[in-house]
């Protein structure tokens, strides 16, 4: 039987950390549809979180179309599906476990004069060395005539790469050299263009007590330091900590200032506008996976807060990325970045306790970090993006 073209794709997503999982799946689905002309169904279990990211999503509809994609509400009582309606490629995002009825339909689909679907488990991003040896491994189903393949995003040619839309790097470079485009962006947020010595920082973090405590200490230091700093923060993130610091409720779109630090809460941005925020800022605090990857494409210094796991497992993953990211850093920059990232992730065993000193050492390295961020973006883009590698892999199995 000749293999049919892999035109129809189903992507299944369970929302775990509010925005990271659906953020990755939405970018993947859009790129497959818009750049490759594929027919995409995106199955999502939490439409409320999805709507925060994409306001056009309607939370009361089981089936809808948005941005040339079909969106399905993945309900707990997943109904049986006709084997002929099963997609050519099925992406199980982050081990979300497909509905049993859908897996059975996948198995039956091969009996209808077509090949069994290509079943891919899109894994979480990791820089750990073992990822290369596990990427693209096959896992036969114990009962059915199906095989699942594990696809690992990553930073090396022997992994699945990173999501990057066609022309992304050029759009970013154009924006960062266009003063009018940047001024228009800041105006949309209700700000004027930054002053010569001003540092603009985007802040996307987990609302953990340890993070709030550190953030309050940073605000206190920044407010008394000589350099003006403006913090750009999505609504609801660190809201309570900032309200305590300024001793007043913080309203969306209304900047508040104390000393040399100003904070602006803004409505949650769509993905394209969030990219521009990362491009425009001098430093980006990011979390999880989606914003972490986008900060790397921004070519700016960044601080990554990794998703916390029990028994500190996440700290090994953080170190694995640091090892490859800082490989060609000068020693003082490695020391400064490692110390501050460790402190922000509460790895107190390796972080210095003097927060102002740790911050200032980190900030002094911004010129070197900025150059490296640009070089790094070019390096990880050279081997091809995730969608290109994903399609090539699906067609090869």
Protein backbone atom coordinates (compact mmCIF):
# COMPACT_ATOMS: atom_id res chain seq x y z
CA UNK A 1 0.00 0.00 0.00
CA UNK A 2 1.47 3.35 -1.00
CA UNK A 3 1.78 5.93 1.69
CA UNK A 4 -0.74 8.78 1.52
CA UNK A 5 0.34 12.42 1.82
CA UNK A 6 0.41 13.53 5.46
CA UNK A 7 -2.02 16.43 5.08
CA UNK A 8 -4.33 16.08 8.08
CA UNK A 9 -2.86 16.63 11.55
CA UNK A 10 -4.49 16.32 14.98
CA UNK A 11 -2.76 17.98 17.94
CA UNK A 12 -3.94 17.07 21.44
CA UNK A 13 -3.17 19.46 24.31
CA UNK A 14 -3.97 19.37 28.01
CA UNK A 15 -3.37 22.70 29.74
CA UNK A 16 -1.13 22.16 32.76
CA UNK A 17 0.62 25.43 33.63
CA UNK A 18 -2.00 27.83 32.21
CA UNK A 19 -0.12 29.11 29.17
CA UNK A 20 3.01 27.10 28.41
CA UNK A 21 1.44 23.94 26.99
CA UNK A 22 -1.26 25.66 24.96
CA UNK A 23 1.23 28.36 23.93
CA UNK A 24 3.54 25.79 22.34
CA UNK A 25 0.66 23.88 20.72
CA UNK A 26 -0.93 27.04 19.32
CA UNK A 27 2.35 28.17 17.75
CA UNK A 28 2.89 24.69 16.31
CA UNK A 29 -0.65 24.48 14.92
CA UNK A 30 -0.50 27.93 13.34
CA UNK A 31 2.82 27.29 11.66
CA UNK A 32 1.73 23.93 10.27
CA UNK A 33 -1.44 25.48 8.85
CA UNK A 34 -0.21 28.88 7.68
CA UNK A 35 3.24 27.99 6.34
CA UNK A 36 2.73 24.40 5.22
CA UNK A 37 -0.93 24.51 4.18
CA UNK A 38 -1.84 21.49 6.32
CA UNK A 39 -5.29 20.76 7.72
CA UNK A 40 -5.07 21.10 11.48
CA UNK A 41 -7.41 20.13 14.31
CA UNK A 42 -6.29 21.33 17.71
CA UNK A 43 -7.92 19.47 20.62
CA UNK A 44 -7.75 21.47 23.89
CA UNK A 45 -9.22 20.54 27.26
CA UNK A 46 -9.23 24.06 28.76
CA UNK A 47 -10.76 26.69 26.49
CA UNK A 48 -10.75 29.35 29.22
CA UNK A 49 -6.95 29.41 29.41
CA UNK A 50 -6.83 29.20 25.62
CA UNK A 51 -9.06 32.28 25.35
CA UNK A 52 -6.63 34.31 27.47
CA UNK A 53 -4.01 33.60 24.83
CA UNK A 54 -6.35 33.91 21.82
CA UNK A 55 -9.34 36.19 22.60
CA UNK A 56 -11.22 35.00 19.49
CA UNK A 57 -11.68 31.54 21.06
CA UNK A 58 -15.25 30.92 22.26
CA UNK A 59 -15.37 28.91 25.46
CA UNK A 60 -18.89 27.54 24.92
CA UNK A 61 -18.34 25.86 21.56
CA UNK A 62 -17.27 22.26 21.06
CA UNK A 63 -16.19 22.86 17.46
CA UNK A 64 -15.05 26.21 16.07
CA UNK A 65 -12.66 27.67 13.51
CA UNK A 66 -10.06 30.29 14.32
CA UNK A 67 -7.09 31.56 12.29
CA UNK A 68 -7.67 28.89 9.62
CA UNK A 69 -7.59 26.08 12.19
CA UNK A 70 -10.31 23.83 13.55
CA UNK A 71 -10.49 23.95 17.34
CA UNK A 72 -12.09 21.05 19.22
CA UNK A 73 -12.97 21.11 22.89
CA UNK A 74 -11.42 17.94 24.30
CA UNK A 75 -14.16 16.83 26.70
CA UNK A 76 -13.71 14.17 29.41
CA UNK A 77 -16.36 11.98 27.75
CA UNK A 78 -14.58 11.81 24.41
CA UNK A 79 -16.96 10.29 21.88
CA UNK A 80 -16.08 7.50 19.47
CA UNK A 81 -14.62 8.75 16.23
CA UNK A 82 -14.91 7.24 12.76
CA UNK A 83 -11.58 5.64 11.80
CA UNK A 84 -11.77 7.52 8.49
CA UNK A 85 -11.82 10.80 10.45
CA UNK A 86 -8.54 10.06 12.20
CA UNK A 87 -5.71 12.35 11.09
CA UNK A 88 -2.65 11.29 9.10
CA UNK A 89 -0.37 12.56 11.88
CA UNK A 90 -1.41 12.62 15.53
CA UNK A 91 0.62 14.75 17.93
CA UNK A 92 0.23 13.92 21.61
CA UNK A 93 1.68 17.01 23.26
CA UNK A 94 3.75 16.50 26.39
CA UNK A 95 2.50 12.99 27.15
CA UNK A 96 -1.09 14.14 27.59
CA UNK A 97 -2.45 10.58 26.89
CA UNK A 98 -4.84 10.32 23.95
CA UNK A 99 -8.46 9.31 24.56
CA UNK A 100 -8.85 5.54 24.40
CA UNK A 101 -11.58 5.88 21.79
CA UNK A 102 -9.26 7.84 19.54
CA UNK A 103 -6.43 5.30 19.92
CA UNK A 104 -8.81 2.50 18.97
CA UNK A 105 -9.91 4.46 15.91
CA UNK A 106 -6.26 4.93 14.96
CA UNK A 107 -5.79 1.18 15.05
CA UNK A 108 -8.88 0.54 12.93
CA UNK A 109 -7.97 3.20 10.38
CA UNK A 110 -5.36 0.90 8.81
CA UNK A 111 -8.21 -1.45 7.85
CA UNK A 112 -9.78 1.23 5.66
CA UNK A 113 -7.28 1.18 2.78
CA UNK A 114 -4.92 3.65 4.42
CA UNK A 115 -1.75 3.55 6.47
CA UNK A 116 -1.91 3.76 10.23
CA UNK A 117 -1.44 7.34 11.46
CA UNK A 118 2.00 8.58 12.45
CA UNK A 119 1.73 8.91 16.22
CA UNK A 120 4.15 11.39 17.78
CA UNK A 121 4.58 12.26 21.43
CA UNK A 122 5.96 15.81 21.42
CA UNK A 123 8.03 15.96 24.60
CA UNK A 124 8.99 18.85 26.85
CA UNK A 125 12.09 20.83 25.93
CA UNK A 126 15.28 19.84 27.71
CA UNK A 127 19.00 20.42 27.25
CA UNK A 128 19.97 17.27 29.14
CA UNK A 129 22.53 15.11 27.29
CA UNK A 130 20.32 11.98 27.25
CA UNK A 131 17.75 13.71 25.03
CA UNK A 132 19.80 13.12 21.87
CA UNK A 133 19.82 9.33 22.36
CA UNK A 134 16.08 9.20 23.10
CA UNK A 135 14.94 11.51 20.32
CA UNK A 136 12.87 9.72 17.63
CA UNK A 137 12.74 6.42 19.51
CA UNK A 138 9.83 4.12 18.68
CA UNK A 139 7.48 2.60 21.26
CA UNK A 140 5.18 -0.13 19.89
CA UNK A 141 1.73 -0.32 21.47
CA UNK A 142 1.46 -3.45 23.67
CA UNK A 143 -1.87 -4.60 22.17
CA UNK A 144 -2.56 -2.66 18.98
CA UNK A 145 -0.70 -2.40 15.68
CA UNK A 146 0.43 1.13 16.44
CA UNK A 147 3.79 2.72 17.16
CA UNK A 148 4.35 5.91 19.10
CA UNK A 149 7.49 7.97 18.40
CA UNK A 150 9.08 10.29 20.94
CA UNK A 151 10.06 13.65 19.51
CA UNK A 152 12.25 15.87 21.68
CA UNK A 153 12.67 19.58 20.99
CA UNK A 154 16.22 20.67 21.69
CA UNK A 155 19.23 22.83 21.00
CA UNK A 156 21.40 20.50 18.92
CA UNK A 157 21.17 18.99 15.40
CA UNK A 158 20.41 15.56 16.90
CA UNK A 159 17.17 16.78 18.50
CA UNK A 160 13.89 18.20 17.19
CA UNK A 161 14.91 21.87 17.25
CA UNK A 162 12.77 24.79 18.43
CA UNK A 163 9.59 26.39 17.13
CA UNK A 164 10.48 29.33 14.90
CA UNK A 165 8.21 30.71 12.21
CA UNK A 166 9.60 31.45 8.76
CA UNK A 167 11.27 34.87 8.70
CA UNK A 168 11.16 35.26 12.49
CA UNK A 169 14.79 36.31 12.84
CA UNK A 170 14.52 38.93 10.12
CA UNK A 171 11.30 40.37 11.59
CA UNK A 172 12.98 40.65 14.95
CA UNK A 173 16.06 42.36 13.53
CA UNK A 174 13.91 44.77 11.53
CA UNK A 175 11.90 45.71 14.62
CA UNK A 176 14.97 46.20 16.79
CA UNK A 177 16.49 48.63 14.27
CA UNK A 178 13.26 50.56 13.63
CA UNK A 179 12.84 53.34 16.21
CA UNK A 180 9.37 54.23 14.90
CA UNK A 181 8.10 50.67 15.23
CA UNK A 182 9.42 50.50 18.78
CA UNK A 183 7.90 53.85 19.70
CA UNK A 184 4.55 52.68 18.32
CA UNK A 185 4.80 49.51 20.40
CA UNK A 186 5.54 51.42 23.61
CA UNK A 187 2.69 53.79 22.80
CA UNK A 188 0.28 50.84 22.59
CA UNK A 189 1.30 49.96 26.15
CA UNK A 190 0.83 53.57 27.26
CA UNK A 191 4.53 54.43 27.56
CA UNK A 192 6.91 56.79 25.82
CA UNK A 193 10.22 55.57 24.41
CA UNK A 194 12.84 54.74 27.07
CA UNK A 195 15.34 57.31 28.30
CA UNK A 196 19.03 56.75 27.43
CA UNK A 197 20.00 55.18 30.79
CA UNK A 198 16.65 53.50 31.46
CA UNK A 199 16.45 49.72 31.70
CA UNK A 200 13.21 48.12 30.53
CA UNK A 201 12.49 44.66 31.90
CA UNK A 202 9.68 42.24 31.07
CA UNK A 203 8.66 40.05 33.99
CA UNK A 204 6.88 36.72 33.53
CA UNK A 205 7.27 34.47 36.56
CA UNK A 206 5.55 31.87 38.67
CA UNK A 207 3.63 33.38 41.58
CA UNK A 208 5.44 31.34 44.23
CA UNK A 209 6.09 32.77 47.74
CA UNK A 210 9.86 32.49 47.23
CA UNK A 211 9.65 34.38 43.94
CA UNK A 212 7.48 37.11 45.46
CA UNK A 213 9.98 37.55 48.29
CA UNK A 214 12.90 37.90 45.90
CA UNK A 215 10.95 40.22 43.66
CA UNK A 216 10.11 42.51 46.58
CA UNK A 217 13.80 42.67 47.46
CA UNK A 218 14.64 43.59 43.88
CA UNK A 219 11.98 46.30 43.82
CA UNK A 220 13.35 47.75 47.05
CA UNK A 221 16.88 47.87 45.65
CA UNK A 222 15.86 49.17 42.23
CA UNK A 223 13.79 51.96 43.79
CA UNK A 224 16.85 53.36 45.59
CA UNK A 225 19.48 52.68 42.92
CA UNK A 226 20.60 55.49 40.60
CA UNK A 227 19.48 53.80 37.37
CA UNK A 228 15.83 54.10 36.28
CA UNK A 229 14.13 50.79 35.60
CA UNK A 230 10.69 50.08 34.17
CA UNK A 231 9.03 46.72 34.79
CA UNK A 232 6.48 45.40 32.27
CA UNK A 233 4.31 42.70 33.83
CA UNK A 234 1.30 40.74 32.52
CA UNK A 235 -1.82 41.13 34.63
CA UNK A 236 -2.16 38.86 37.69
CA UNK A 237 1.52 37.91 37.74
CA UNK A 238 3.10 39.03 41.04
CA UNK A 239 0.12 41.33 41.57
CA UNK A 240 -0.06 40.87 45.34
CA UNK A 241 3.66 41.44 45.86
CA UNK A 242 3.64 44.66 43.86
CA UNK A 243 0.54 45.97 45.61
CA UNK A 244 2.27 45.41 48.96
CA UNK A 245 5.38 47.21 47.78
CA UNK A 246 3.54 50.29 46.50
CA UNK A 247 0.94 50.08 49.30
CA UNK A 248 -1.93 50.49 46.85
CA UNK A 249 -3.95 48.41 44.36
CA UNK A 250 -2.30 48.20 40.96
CA UNK A 251 -4.57 48.87 37.99
CA UNK A 252 -4.09 47.58 34.47
CA UNK A 253 -2.50 50.18 32.19
CA UNK A 254 -1.69 52.70 34.94
CA UNK A 255 2.04 52.94 35.75
CA UNK A 256 3.07 53.30 39.40
CA UNK A 257 6.42 54.64 40.49
CA UNK A 258 8.54 54.69 43.60
CA UNK A 259 12.01 56.17 43.51
CA UNK A 260 13.74 54.98 40.35
CA UNK A 261 11.51 51.98 39.67
CA UNK A 262 8.27 52.08 37.70
CA UNK A 263 5.86 49.18 37.17
CA UNK A 264 3.22 48.77 34.49
CA UNK A 265 0.67 45.98 34.50
CA UNK A 266 -0.74 45.36 31.04
CA UNK A 267 -3.47 43.07 29.66
CA UNK A 268 -2.30 39.64 28.59
CA UNK A 269 -0.76 39.99 25.13
CA UNK A 270 -1.30 37.75 22.13
CA UNK A 271 1.74 35.80 21.00
CA UNK A 272 2.88 38.19 18.27
CA UNK A 273 2.66 41.22 20.55
CA UNK A 274 4.41 39.34 23.34
CA UNK A 275 7.26 38.61 20.93
CA UNK A 276 7.57 42.34 20.31
CA UNK A 277 7.70 42.95 24.05
CA UNK A 278 10.65 40.57 24.34
CA UNK A 279 12.34 42.21 21.35
CA UNK A 280 11.88 45.69 22.81
CA UNK A 281 13.04 45.07 26.39
CA UNK A 282 16.64 45.13 27.62
CA UNK A 283 16.11 42.06 29.83
CA UNK A 284 13.40 39.40 29.90
CA UNK A 285 12.39 37.29 32.87
CA UNK A 286 10.62 34.24 31.47
CA UNK A 287 9.25 30.97 32.78
CA UNK A 288 8.39 27.44 31.67
CA UNK A 289 8.93 26.60 28.01
CA UNK A 290 7.10 28.83 25.54
CA UNK A 291 8.28 32.23 26.80
CA UNK A 292 11.73 30.71 27.45
CA UNK A 293 12.11 29.80 23.77
CA UNK A 294 10.73 33.14 22.57
CA UNK A 295 13.20 34.99 24.80
CA UNK A 296 16.04 33.15 23.08
CA UNK A 297 14.80 34.24 19.65
CA UNK A 298 14.63 37.82 20.99
CA UNK A 299 18.43 38.08 21.16
CA UNK A 300 18.32 39.83 24.54
CA UNK A 301 19.68 38.89 27.98
CA UNK A 302 17.20 36.74 29.89
CA UNK A 303 16.49 35.10 33.23
CA UNK A 304 14.75 31.73 33.08
CA UNK A 305 12.55 30.43 35.88
CA UNK A 306 12.23 26.72 35.18
CA UNK A 307 9.03 24.87 36.08
CA UNK A 308 9.62 23.56 39.64
CA UNK A 309 9.55 19.81 40.26
CA UNK A 310 9.68 17.69 43.39
CA UNK A 311 13.05 16.88 44.96
CA UNK A 312 14.73 19.61 42.92
CA UNK A 313 14.75 17.60 39.69
CA UNK A 314 14.27 20.82 37.74
CA UNK A 315 17.59 22.21 38.96
CA UNK A 316 19.48 19.54 37.04
CA UNK A 317 17.61 20.56 33.90
CA UNK A 318 18.42 24.20 34.60
CA UNK A 319 22.11 23.37 34.95
CA UNK A 320 22.06 21.34 31.72
CA UNK A 321 20.89 24.40 29.82
CA UNK A 322 23.39 26.66 31.59
CA UNK A 323 26.19 24.30 30.57
CA UNK A 324 25.47 24.65 26.85
CA UNK A 325 24.28 28.26 26.95
CA UNK A 326 27.39 29.57 28.74
CA UNK A 327 29.91 27.34 26.96
CA UNK A 328 31.63 30.25 25.21
CA UNK A 329 31.05 32.90 27.89
CA UNK A 330 33.94 34.74 29.55
CA UNK A 331 34.34 33.41 33.13
CA UNK A 332 33.00 36.54 34.84
CA UNK A 333 29.81 36.43 32.76
CA UNK A 334 29.34 32.73 33.53
CA UNK A 335 29.70 33.47 37.24
CA UNK A 336 27.29 36.40 37.17
CA UNK A 337 24.57 34.67 35.14
CA UNK A 338 24.82 31.39 37.05
CA UNK A 339 24.57 33.13 40.42
CA UNK A 340 21.56 35.23 39.52
CA UNK A 341 19.66 32.44 37.75
CA UNK A 342 20.31 30.13 40.70
CA UNK A 343 19.03 32.76 43.10
CA UNK A 344 15.91 33.39 41.04
CA UNK A 345 15.23 29.65 41.02
CA UNK A 346 15.91 29.45 44.76
CA UNK A 347 18.95 27.18 44.51
CA UNK A 348 20.39 28.76 47.63
CA UNK A 349 23.23 26.28 47.89
CA UNK A 350 24.97 27.92 44.96
CA UNK A 351 23.52 31.43 45.03
CA UNK A 352 25.01 34.36 46.85
CA UNK A 353 22.81 35.76 49.60
CA UNK A 354 23.59 39.37 48.81
CA UNK A 355 20.86 40.11 46.28
CA UNK A 356 21.95 43.65 45.29
CA UNK A 357 25.54 42.47 44.74
CA UNK A 358 24.36 39.44 42.74
CA UNK A 359 22.09 41.63 40.63
CA UNK A 360 24.75 44.30 39.95
CA UNK A 361 27.29 41.68 38.87
CA UNK A 362 24.68 40.28 36.50
CA UNK A 363 23.70 43.70 35.15
CA UNK A 364 27.32 44.69 34.51
CA UNK A 365 27.60 41.75 32.12
CA UNK A 366 24.65 42.87 29.95
CA UNK A 367 26.82 44.03 27.01
CA UNK A 368 28.51 40.61 26.79
CA UNK A 369 25.21 38.80 27.43
CA UNK A 370 23.48 40.83 24.75
CA UNK A 371 26.10 39.93 22.14
CA UNK A 372 25.96 36.30 23.15
CA UNK A 373 22.15 36.27 22.99
CA UNK A 374 22.30 37.36 19.34
CA UNK A 375 24.97 34.79 18.52
CA UNK A 376 23.04 32.06 20.34
CA UNK A 377 19.83 32.77 18.42
CA UNK A 378 21.70 32.44 15.13
CA UNK A 379 23.39 29.24 16.32
CA UNK A 380 20.24 27.38 17.34
CA UNK A 381 18.43 28.57 14.21
CA UNK A 382 21.09 27.16 11.87
CA UNK A 383 20.01 23.51 12.13
CA UNK A 384 16.39 24.05 11.12
CA UNK A 385 13.23 24.75 13.09
CA UNK A 386 11.01 22.25 14.90
CA UNK A 387 8.21 22.21 12.31
CA UNK A 388 10.62 21.42 9.47
CA UNK A 389 12.20 18.60 11.44
CA UNK A 390 8.83 17.32 12.64
CA UNK A 391 7.38 17.10 9.12
CA UNK A 392 10.55 15.45 7.78
CA UNK A 393 10.43 12.90 10.58
CA UNK A 394 6.73 12.12 10.07
CA UNK A 395 7.33 11.54 6.38
CA UNK A 396 10.28 9.25 7.07
CA UNK A 397 8.56 6.69 9.31
